[in-house]
Amino acid sequence: MLGGEITRARDLITAADHAGGKKPPRITLPTWMIRLTSPLGGTGLGTKFDLPSNVGEMITATDGVTYWATDEKARTDLGYSPRSLATGMAETFRDGT
């Protein structure tokens, strides 16, 4: 998403699950606990628990990080009009892209 609404990773996961017809996770694990599982990502055990092979990289890129950006230039120069997160996810899952 280039811009638009400010979204937490938890909200992104919930929106993706909803758009994909899945139930969001029932529990939220603390980051330190998830970090302990990161070495399992590329193993058979990680696959059993649906851990992506790059779970460690995902944690590093998101834990305690706030990404700030503005879409003002795209809005003014290009006529950009952002979609809501829910709309973007629904279109992504519908189009398969």
PDB file of N, CA and C in Angstrom:
ATOM      1  N   MET A   1       0.847  -1.164   0.000  1.00  0.00           N
ATOM      2  CA  MET A   1       0.000   0.000   0.000  1.00  0.00           C
ATOM      3  C   MET A   1       0.894   1.228   0.000  1.00  0.00           C
ATOM      4  N   LEU A   2       0.715   2.098  -0.936  1.00  0.00           N
ATOM      5  CA  LEU A   2       1.518   3.305  -1.037  1.00  0.00           C
ATOM      6  C   LEU A   2       1.233   4.255   0.110  1.00  0.00           C
ATOM      7  N   GLY A   3       0.029   4.388   0.489  1.00  0.00           N
ATOM      8  CA  GLY A   3      -0.344   5.327   1.544  1.00  0.00           C
ATOM      9  C   GLY A   3      -1.761   5.055   1.986  1.00  0.00           C
ATOM     10  N   GLY A   4      -2.407   6.099   2.431  1.00  0.00           N
ATOM     11  CA  GLY A   4      -3.773   5.921   2.897  1.00  0.00           C
ATOM     12  C   GLY A   4      -3.794   5.767   4.398  1.00  0.00           C
ATOM     13  N   GLU A   5      -4.609   4.858   4.884  1.00  0.00           N
ATOM     14  CA  GLU A   5      -4.782   4.728   6.324  1.00  0.00           C
ATOM     15  C   GLU A   5      -3.552   4.151   7.009  1.00  0.00           C
ATOM     16  N   ILE A   6      -3.295   4.611   8.193  1.00  0.00           N
ATOM     17  CA  ILE A   6      -2.193   4.090   8.997  1.00  0.00           C
ATOM     18  C   ILE A   6      -2.655   2.765   9.594  1.00  0.00           C
ATOM     19  N   THR A   7      -1.828   1.738   9.433  1.00  0.00           N
ATOM     20  CA  THR A   7      -2.235   0.386   9.781  1.00  0.00           C
ATOM     21  C   THR A   7      -1.149  -0.328  10.570  1.00  0.00           C
ATOM     22  N   ARG A   8      -1.547  -1.045  11.598  1.00  0.00           N
ATOM     23  CA  ARG A   8      -0.616  -1.884  12.347  1.00  0.00           C
ATOM     24  C   ARG A   8      -0.531  -3.248  11.662  1.00  0.00           C
ATOM     25  N   ALA A   9       0.567  -3.962  11.905  1.00  0.00           N
ATOM     26  CA  ALA A   9       0.749  -5.291  11.311  1.00  0.00           C
ATOM     27  C   ALA A   9      -0.406  -6.209  11.693  1.00  0.00           C
ATOM     28  N   ARG A  10      -0.883  -6.113  12.926  1.00  0.00           N
ATOM     29  CA  ARG A  10      -1.998  -6.939  13.389  1.00  0.00           C
ATOM     30  C   ARG A  10      -3.248  -6.691  12.538  1.00  0.00           C
ATOM     31  N   ASP A  11      -3.501  -5.398  12.208  1.00  0.00           N
ATOM     32  CA  ASP A  11      -4.668  -5.064  11.389  1.00  0.00           C
ATOM     33  C   ASP A  11      -4.512  -5.590   9.961  1.00  0.00           C
ATOM     34  N   LEU A  12      -3.282  -5.562   9.458  1.00  0.00           N
ATOM     35  CA  LEU A  12      -3.008  -6.086   8.119  1.00  0.00           C
ATOM     36  C   LEU A  12      -3.292  -7.586   8.062  1.00  0.00           C
ATOM     37  N   ILE A  13      -2.848  -8.304   9.070  1.00  0.00           N
ATOM     38  CA  ILE A  13      -3.074  -9.751   9.113  1.00  0.00           C
ATOM     39  C   ILE A  13      -4.565 -10.061   9.198  1.00  0.00           C
ATOM     40  N   THR A  14      -5.272  -9.332  10.041  1.00  0.00           N
ATOM     41  CA  THR A  14      -6.714  -9.537  10.177  1.00  0.00           C
ATOM     42  C   THR A  14      -7.440  -9.259   8.865  1.00  0.00           C
ATOM     43  N   ALA A  15      -7.069  -8.160   8.189  1.00  0.00           N
ATOM     44  CA  ALA A  15      -7.704  -7.816   6.913  1.00  0.00           C
ATOM     45  C   ALA A  15      -7.399  -8.873   5.851  1.00  0.00           C
ATOM     46  N   ALA A  16      -6.165  -9.366   5.818  1.00  0.00           N
ATOM     47  CA  ALA A  16      -5.798 -10.400   4.838  1.00  0.00           C
ATOM     48  C   ALA A  16      -6.560 -11.694   5.110  1.00  0.00           C
ATOM     49  N   ASP A  17      -6.649 -12.076   6.367  1.00  0.00           N
ATOM     50  CA  ASP A  17      -7.402 -13.288   6.718  1.00  0.00           C
ATOM     51  C   ASP A  17      -8.861 -13.156   6.311  1.00  0.00           C
ATOM     52  N   HIS A  18      -9.457 -12.030   6.623  1.00  0.00           N
ATOM     53  CA  HIS A  18     -10.867 -11.806   6.294  1.00  0.00           C
ATOM     54  C   HIS A  18     -11.081 -11.842   4.773  1.00  0.00           C
ATOM     55  N   ALA A  19     -10.218 -11.133   4.037  1.00  0.00           N
ATOM     56  CA  ALA A  19     -10.362 -11.088   2.574  1.00  0.00           C
ATOM     57  C   ALA A  19     -10.125 -12.461   1.954  1.00  0.00           C
ATOM     58  N   GLY A  20      -9.248 -13.257   2.565  1.00  0.00           N
ATOM     59  CA  GLY A  20      -8.954 -14.589   2.047  1.00  0.00           C
ATOM     60  C   GLY A  20      -9.900 -15.660   2.548  1.00  0.00           C
ATOM     61  N   GLY A  21     -10.894 -15.260   3.340  1.00  0.00           N
ATOM     62  CA  GLY A  21     -11.870 -16.226   3.837  1.00  0.00           C
ATOM     63  C   GLY A  21     -11.358 -17.081   4.976  1.00  0.00           C
ATOM     64  N   LYS A  22     -10.354 -16.600   5.689  1.00  0.00           N
ATOM     65  CA  LYS A  22      -9.784 -17.338   6.819  1.00  0.00           C
ATOM     66  C   LYS A  22     -10.138 -16.636   8.119  1.00  0.00           C
ATOM     67  N   LYS A  23     -10.020 -17.353   9.219  1.00  0.00           N
ATOM     68  CA  LYS A  23     -10.211 -16.748  10.532  1.00  0.00           C
ATOM     69  C   LYS A  23      -8.872 -16.197  10.995  1.00  0.00           C
ATOM     70  N   PRO A  24      -8.868 -14.985  11.561  1.00  0.00           N
ATOM     71  CA  PRO A  24      -7.600 -14.448  12.082  1.00  0.00           C
ATOM     72  C   PRO A  24      -7.139 -15.261  13.285  1.00  0.00           C
ATOM     73  N   PRO A  25      -5.868 -15.174  13.623  1.00  0.00           N
ATOM     74  CA  PRO A  25      -5.363 -15.914  14.784  1.00  0.00           C
ATOM     75  C   PRO A  25      -6.153 -15.565  16.044  1.00  0.00           C
ATOM     76  N   ARG A  26      -6.392 -16.573  16.863  1.00  0.00           N
ATOM     77  CA  ARG A  26      -7.150 -16.353  18.102  1.00  0.00           C
ATOM     78  C   ARG A  26      -6.285 -15.763  19.200  1.00  0.00           C
ATOM     79  N   ILE A  27      -4.999 -16.059  19.148  1.00  0.00           N
ATOM     80  CA  ILE A  27      -4.098 -15.536  20.171  1.00  0.00           C
ATOM     81  C   ILE A  27      -2.974 -14.754  19.503  1.00  0.00           C
ATOM     82  N   THR A  28      -2.401 -13.858  20.274  1.00  0.00           N
ATOM     83  CA  THR A  28      -1.260 -13.081  19.802  1.00  0.00           C
ATOM     84  C   THR A  28      -0.076 -13.431  20.688  1.00  0.00           C
ATOM     85  N   LEU A  29       0.998 -13.876  20.072  1.00  0.00           N
ATOM     86  CA  LEU A  29       2.193 -14.226  20.825  1.00  0.00           C
ATOM     87  C   LEU A  29       3.104 -13.012  20.952  1.00  0.00           C
ATOM     88  N   PRO A  30       3.785 -12.883  22.083  1.00  0.00           N
ATOM     89  CA  PRO A  30       4.763 -11.803  22.209  1.00  0.00           C
ATOM     90  C   PRO A  30       5.900 -12.009  21.200  1.00  0.00           C
ATOM     91  N   THR A  31       6.496 -10.917  20.773  1.00  0.00           N
ATOM     92  CA  THR A  31       7.562 -10.984  19.772  1.00  0.00           C
ATOM     93  C   THR A  31       8.707 -11.887  20.220  1.00  0.00           C
ATOM     94  N   TRP A  32       9.081 -11.848  21.492  1.00  0.00           N
ATOM     95  CA  TRP A  32      10.197 -12.672  21.955  1.00  0.00           C
ATOM     96  C   TRP A  32       9.904 -14.155  21.757  1.00  0.00           C
ATOM     97  N   MET A  33       8.639 -14.537  21.906  1.00  0.00           N
ATOM     98  CA  MET A  33       8.271 -15.939  21.737  1.00  0.00           C
ATOM     99  C   MET A  33       8.317 -16.326  20.250  1.00  0.00           C
ATOM    100  N   ILE A  34       7.854 -15.440  19.405  1.00  0.00           N
ATOM    101  CA  ILE A  34       7.908 -15.703  17.967  1.00  0.00           C
ATOM    102  C   ILE A  34       9.358 -15.782  17.508  1.00  0.00           C
ATOM    103  N   ARG A  35      10.196 -14.906  18.058  1.00  0.00           N
ATOM    104  CA  ARG A  35      11.616 -14.905  17.691  1.00  0.00           C
ATOM    105  C   ARG A  35      12.265 -16.261  18.019  1.00  0.00           C
ATOM    106  N   LEU A  36      11.839 -16.889  19.118  1.00  0.00           N
ATOM    107  CA  LEU A  36      12.374 -18.203  19.477  1.00  0.00           C
ATOM    108  C   LEU A  36      12.034 -19.258  18.422  1.00  0.00           C
ATOM    109  N   THR A  37      10.900 -19.101  17.745  1.00  0.00           N
ATOM    110  CA  THR A  37      10.493 -20.079  16.735  1.00  0.00           C
ATOM    111  C   THR A  37      11.116 -19.822  15.372  1.00  0.00           C
ATOM    112  N   SER A  38      11.738 -18.659  15.167  1.00  0.00           N
ATOM    113  CA  SER A  38      12.227 -18.308  13.833  1.00  0.00           C
ATOM    114  C   SER A  38      13.203 -19.321  13.229  1.00  0.00           C
ATOM    115  N   PRO A  39      14.074 -19.986  14.002  1.00  0.00           N
ATOM    116  CA  PRO A  39      14.940 -20.994  13.381  1.00  0.00           C
ATOM    117  C   PRO A  39      14.171 -22.189  12.800  1.00  0.00           C
ATOM    118  N   LEU A  40      12.926 -22.373  13.219  1.00  0.00           N
ATOM    119  CA  LEU A  40      12.131 -23.500  12.731  1.00  0.00           C
ATOM    120  C   LEU A  40      11.459 -23.206  11.389  1.00  0.00           C
ATOM    121  N   GLY A  41      11.469 -21.950  10.960  1.00  0.00           N
ATOM    122  CA  GLY A  41      10.732 -21.540   9.765  1.00  0.00           C
ATOM    123  C   GLY A  41      10.971 -22.398   8.541  1.00  0.00           C
ATOM    124  N   GLY A  42      12.210 -22.732   8.252  1.00  0.00           N
ATOM    125  CA  GLY A  42      12.514 -23.500   7.048  1.00  0.00           C
ATOM    126  C   GLY A  42      12.552 -25.004   7.257  1.00  0.00           C
ATOM    127  N   THR A  43      12.130 -25.478   8.423  1.00  0.00           N
ATOM    128  CA  THR A  43      12.186 -26.906   8.721  1.00  0.00           C
ATOM    129  C   THR A  43      10.821 -27.558   8.556  1.00  0.00           C
ATOM    130  N   GLY A  44      10.796 -28.862   8.641  1.00  0.00           N
ATOM    131  CA  GLY A  44       9.530 -29.588   8.566  1.00  0.00           C
ATOM    132  C   GLY A  44       8.594 -29.216   9.707  1.00  0.00           C
ATOM    133  N   LEU A  45       9.167 -28.975  10.888  1.00  0.00           N
ATOM    134  CA  LEU A  45       8.356 -28.574  12.032  1.00  0.00           C
ATOM    135  C   LEU A  45       7.740 -27.197  11.782  1.00  0.00           C
ATOM    136  N   GLY A  46       8.515 -26.295  11.187  1.00  0.00           N
ATOM    137  CA  GLY A  46       7.987 -24.977  10.855  1.00  0.00           C
ATOM    138  C   GLY A  46       6.851 -25.059   9.861  1.00  0.00           C
ATOM    139  N   THR A  47       6.963 -25.952   8.902  1.00  0.00           N
ATOM    140  CA  THR A  47       5.903 -26.152   7.913  1.00  0.00           C
ATOM    141  C   THR A  47       4.632 -26.677   8.579  1.00  0.00           C
ATOM    142  N   LYS A  48       4.800 -27.562   9.549  1.00  0.00           N
ATOM    143  CA  LYS A  48       3.650 -28.116  10.253  1.00  0.00           C
ATOM    144  C   LYS A  48       2.841 -27.026  10.953  1.00  0.00           C
ATOM    145  N   PHE A  49       3.539 -26.012  11.457  1.00  0.00           N
ATOM    146  CA  PHE A  49       2.871 -24.919  12.166  1.00  0.00           C
ATOM    147  C   PHE A  49       2.665 -23.693  11.280  1.00  0.00           C
ATOM    148  N   ASP A  50       2.767 -23.874   9.976  1.00  0.00           N
ATOM    149  CA  ASP A  50       2.566 -22.802   9.003  1.00  0.00           C
ATOM    150  C   ASP A  50       3.473 -21.601   9.225  1.00  0.00           C
ATOM    151  N   LEU A  51       4.707 -21.830   9.658  1.00  0.00           N
ATOM    152  CA  LEU A  51       5.670 -20.749   9.803  1.00  0.00           C
ATOM    153  C   LEU A  51       6.338 -20.502   8.453  1.00  0.00           C
ATOM    154  N   PRO A  52       6.362 -19.269   7.984  1.00  0.00           N
ATOM    155  CA  PRO A  52       7.056 -19.006   6.734  1.00  0.00           C
ATOM    156  C   PRO A  52       8.556 -19.195   6.921  1.00  0.00           C
ATOM    157  N   SER A  53       9.256 -19.540   5.862  1.00  0.00           N
ATOM    158  CA  SER A  53      10.691 -19.783   5.969  1.00  0.00           C
ATOM    159  C   SER A  53      11.452 -18.514   6.347  1.00  0.00           C
ATOM    160  N   ASN A  54      10.877 -17.355   6.076  1.00  0.00           N
ATOM    161  CA  ASN A  54      11.562 -16.098   6.391  1.00  0.00           C
ATOM    162  C   ASN A  54      10.986 -15.413   7.628  1.00  0.00           C
ATOM    163  N   VAL A  55      10.468 -16.174   8.582  1.00  0.00           N
ATOM    164  CA  VAL A  55       9.841 -15.584   9.765  1.00  0.00           C
ATOM    165  C   VAL A  55      10.819 -14.700  10.533  1.00  0.00           C
ATOM    166  N   GLY A  56      12.075 -15.078  10.617  1.00  0.00           N
ATOM    167  CA  GLY A  56      13.074 -14.259  11.302  1.00  0.00           C
ATOM    168  C   GLY A  56      13.254 -12.909  10.634  1.00  0.00           C
ATOM    169  N   GLU A  57      13.306 -12.914   9.314  1.00  0.00           N
ATOM    170  CA  GLU A  57      13.430 -11.670   8.547  1.00  0.00           C
ATOM    171  C   GLU A  57      12.200 -10.789   8.746  1.00  0.00           C
ATOM    172  N   MET A  58      11.027 -11.397   8.781  1.00  0.00           N
ATOM    173  CA  MET A  58       9.792 -10.637   8.988  1.00  0.00           C
ATOM    174  C   MET A  58       9.788  -9.964  10.362  1.00  0.00           C
ATOM    175  N   ILE A  59      10.258 -10.662  11.374  1.00  0.00           N
ATOM    176  CA  ILE A  59      10.313 -10.095  12.718  1.00  0.00           C
ATOM    177  C   ILE A  59      11.284  -8.916  12.747  1.00  0.00           C
ATOM    178  N   THR A  60      12.458  -9.099  12.171  1.00  0.00           N
ATOM    179  CA  THR A  60      13.455  -8.032  12.143  1.00  0.00           C
ATOM    180  C   THR A  60      12.938  -6.791  11.434  1.00  0.00           C
ATOM    181  N   ALA A  61      12.187  -6.980  10.371  1.00  0.00           N
ATOM    182  CA  ALA A  61      11.693  -5.856   9.580  1.00  0.00           C
ATOM    183  C   ALA A  61      10.516  -5.134  10.232  1.00  0.00           C
ATOM    184  N   THR A  62       9.853  -5.766  11.192  1.00  0.00           N
ATOM    185  CA  THR A  62       8.648  -5.155  11.752  1.00  0.00           C
ATOM    186  C   THR A  62       8.689  -4.895  13.251  1.00  0.00           C
ATOM    187  N   ASP A  63       9.495  -5.608  14.006  1.00  0.00           N
ATOM    188  CA  ASP A  63       9.469  -5.487  15.466  1.00  0.00           C
ATOM    189  C   ASP A  63      10.004  -4.127  15.914  1.00  0.00           C
ATOM    190  N   GLY A  64       9.131  -3.348  16.522  1.00  0.00           N
ATOM    191  CA  GLY A  64       9.534  -2.058  17.065  1.00  0.00           C
ATOM    192  C   GLY A  64       9.837  -1.005  16.016  1.00  0.00           C
ATOM    193  N   VAL A  65       9.465  -1.265  14.777  1.00  0.00           N
ATOM    194  CA  VAL A  65       9.755  -0.337  13.690  1.00  0.00           C
ATOM    195  C   VAL A  65       8.475   0.377  13.292  1.00  0.00           C
ATOM    196  N   THR A  66       8.584   1.680  13.105  1.00  0.00           N
ATOM    197  CA  THR A  66       7.469   2.461  12.595  1.00  0.00           C
ATOM    198  C   THR A  66       7.899   3.044  11.257  1.00  0.00           C
ATOM    199  N   TYR A  67       7.150   2.760  10.234  1.00  0.00           N
ATOM    200  CA  TYR A  67       7.440   3.282   8.906  1.00  0.00           C
ATOM    201  C   TYR A  67       6.564   4.503   8.672  1.00  0.00           C
ATOM    202  N   TRP A  68       7.172   5.626   8.428  1.00  0.00           N
ATOM    203  CA  TRP A  68       6.429   6.851   8.172  1.00  0.00           C
ATOM    204  C   TRP A  68       6.674   7.274   6.737  1.00  0.00           C
ATOM    205  N   ALA A  69       5.634   7.519   6.038  1.00  0.00           N
ATOM    206  CA  ALA A  69       5.729   7.988   4.657  1.00  0.00           C
ATOM    207  C   ALA A  69       4.485   8.811   4.374  1.00  0.00           C
ATOM    208  N   THR A  70       4.559   9.616   3.364  1.00  0.00           N
ATOM    209  CA  THR A  70       3.402  10.387   2.968  1.00  0.00           C
ATOM    210  C   THR A  70       3.115  10.121   1.496  1.00  0.00           C
ATOM    211  N   ASP A  71       1.856  10.123   1.161  1.00  0.00           N
ATOM    212  CA  ASP A  71       1.469   9.930  -0.233  1.00  0.00           C
ATOM    213  C   ASP A  71       1.024  11.247  -0.870  1.00  0.00           C
ATOM    214  N   GLU A  72       1.344  12.367  -0.194  1.00  0.00           N
ATOM    215  CA  GLU A  72       0.883  13.678  -0.657  1.00  0.00           C
ATOM    216  C   GLU A  72       1.346  13.986  -2.077  1.00  0.00           C
ATOM    217  N   LYS A  73       2.599  13.699  -2.403  1.00  0.00           N
ATOM    218  CA  LYS A  73       3.121  13.983  -3.749  1.00  0.00           C
ATOM    219  C   LYS A  73       2.393  13.145  -4.800  1.00  0.00           C
ATOM    220  N   ALA A  74       2.127  11.883  -4.483  1.00  0.00           N
ATOM    221  CA  ALA A  74       1.394  11.028  -5.425  1.00  0.00           C
ATOM    222  C   ALA A  74      -0.039  11.525  -5.593  1.00  0.00           C
ATOM    223  N   ARG A  75      -0.614  12.021  -4.507  1.00  0.00           N
ATOM    224  CA  ARG A  75      -1.981  12.563  -4.599  1.00  0.00           C
ATOM    225  C   ARG A  75      -2.018  13.811  -5.479  1.00  0.00           C
ATOM    226  N   THR A  76      -1.088  14.743  -5.223  1.00  0.00           N
ATOM    227  CA  THR A  76      -1.126  16.012  -5.950  1.00  0.00           C
ATOM    228  C   THR A  76      -0.605  15.896  -7.374  1.00  0.00           C
ATOM    229  N   ASP A  77       0.517  15.186  -7.565  1.00  0.00           N
ATOM    230  CA  ASP A  77       1.140  15.121  -8.893  1.00  0.00           C
ATOM    231  C   ASP A  77       0.508  14.082  -9.816  1.00  0.00           C
ATOM    232  N   LEU A  78       0.030  12.995  -9.243  1.00  0.00           N
ATOM    233  CA  LEU A  78      -0.460  11.891 -10.065  1.00  0.00           C
ATOM    234  C   LEU A  78      -1.959  11.647  -9.935  1.00  0.00           C
ATOM    235  N   GLY A  79      -2.606  12.356  -9.028  1.00  0.00           N
ATOM    236  CA  GLY A  79      -4.034  12.137  -8.818  1.00  0.00           C
ATOM    237  C   GLY A  79      -4.326  10.843  -8.089  1.00  0.00           C
ATOM    238  N   TYR A  80      -3.331  10.378  -7.325  1.00  0.00           N
ATOM    239  CA  TYR A  80      -3.474   9.127  -6.587  1.00  0.00           C
ATOM    240  C   TYR A  80      -4.589   9.239  -5.552  1.00  0.00           C
ATOM    241  N   SER A  81      -5.400   8.208  -5.470  1.00  0.00           N
ATOM    242  CA  SER A  81      -6.468   8.137  -4.484  1.00  0.00           C
ATOM    243  C   SER A  81      -6.411   6.756  -3.843  1.00  0.00           C
ATOM    244  N   PRO A  82      -5.917   6.664  -2.600  1.00  0.00           N
ATOM    245  CA  PRO A  82      -5.727   5.350  -1.992  1.00  0.00           C
ATOM    246  C   PRO A  82      -7.041   4.653  -1.668  1.00  0.00           C
ATOM    247  N   ARG A  83      -6.978   3.330  -1.719  1.00  0.00           N
ATOM    248  CA  ARG A  83      -8.106   2.498  -1.304  1.00  0.00           C
ATOM    249  C   ARG A  83      -7.977   2.229   0.187  1.00  0.00           C
ATOM    250  N   SER A  84      -9.048   1.807   0.804  1.00  0.00           N
ATOM    251  CA  SER A  84      -8.957   1.373   2.196  1.00  0.00           C
ATOM    252  C   SER A  84      -8.210   0.040   2.228  1.00  0.00           C
ATOM    253  N   LEU A  85      -7.696  -0.311   3.383  1.00  0.00           N
ATOM    254  CA  LEU A  85      -7.002  -1.586   3.531  1.00  0.00           C
ATOM    255  C   LEU A  85      -7.927  -2.742   3.177  1.00  0.00           C
ATOM    256  N   ALA A  86      -9.152  -2.708   3.660  1.00  0.00           N
ATOM    257  CA  ALA A  86     -10.109  -3.788   3.392  1.00  0.00           C
ATOM    258  C   ALA A  86     -10.381  -3.919   1.900  1.00  0.00           C
ATOM    259  N   THR A  87     -10.550  -2.794   1.217  1.00  0.00           N
ATOM    260  CA  THR A  87     -10.803  -2.824  -0.228  1.00  0.00           C
ATOM    261  C   THR A  87      -9.595  -3.373  -0.977  1.00  0.00           C
ATOM    262  N   GLY A  88      -8.410  -2.905  -0.615  1.00  0.00           N
ATOM    263  CA  GLY A  88      -7.186  -3.383  -1.267  1.00  0.00           C
ATOM    264  C   GLY A  88      -6.983  -4.878  -1.096  1.00  0.00           C
ATOM    265  N   MET A  89      -7.220  -5.371   0.119  1.00  0.00           N
ATOM    266  CA  MET A  89      -7.077  -6.810   0.365  1.00  0.00           C
ATOM    267  C   MET A  89      -8.123  -7.602  -0.414  1.00  0.00           C
ATOM    268  N   ALA A  90      -9.352  -7.131  -0.415  1.00  0.00           N
ATOM    269  CA  ALA A  90     -10.413  -7.838  -1.153  1.00  0.00           C
ATOM    270  C   ALA A  90     -10.071  -7.906  -2.634  1.00  0.00           C
ATOM    271  N   GLU A  91      -9.571  -6.811  -3.197  1.00  0.00           N
ATOM    272  CA  GLU A  91      -9.202  -6.809  -4.616  1.00  0.00           C
ATOM    273  C   GLU A  91      -8.003  -7.711  -4.882  1.00  0.00           C
ATOM    274  N   THR A  92      -7.062  -7.740  -3.950  1.00  0.00           N
ATOM    275  CA  THR A  92      -5.879  -8.592  -4.107  1.00  0.00           C
ATOM    276  C   THR A  92      -6.291 -10.065  -4.136  1.00  0.00           C
ATOM    277  N   PHE A  93      -7.119 -10.474  -3.205  1.00  0.00           N
ATOM    278  CA  PHE A  93      -7.528 -11.873  -3.151  1.00  0.00           C
ATOM    279  C   PHE A  93      -8.464 -12.233  -4.299  1.00  0.00           C
ATOM    280  N   ARG A  94      -9.300 -11.304  -4.715  1.00  0.00           N
ATOM    281  CA  ARG A  94     -10.208 -11.569  -5.830  1.00  0.00           C
ATOM    282  C   ARG A  94      -9.442 -11.725  -7.124  1.00  0.00           C
ATOM    283  N   ASP A  95      -8.434 -10.872  -7.345  1.00  0.00           N
ATOM    284  CA  ASP A  95      -7.658 -10.903  -8.589  1.00  0.00           C
ATOM    285  C   ASP A  95      -6.565 -11.948  -8.580  1.00  0.00           C
ATOM    286  N   GLY A  96      -6.216 -12.439  -7.403  1.00  0.00           N
ATOM    287  CA  GLY A  96      -5.158 -13.438  -7.304  1.00  0.00           C
ATOM    288  C   GLY A  96      -3.782 -12.851  -7.557  1.00  0.00           C
ATOM    289  N   THR A  97      -3.639 -11.540  -7.361  1.00  0.00           N
ATOM    290  CA  THR A  97      -2.325 -10.892  -7.573  1.00  0.00           C
ATOM    291  C   THR A  97      -1.661 -10.545  -6.283  1.00  0.00           C
TER     292      THR A  97
END
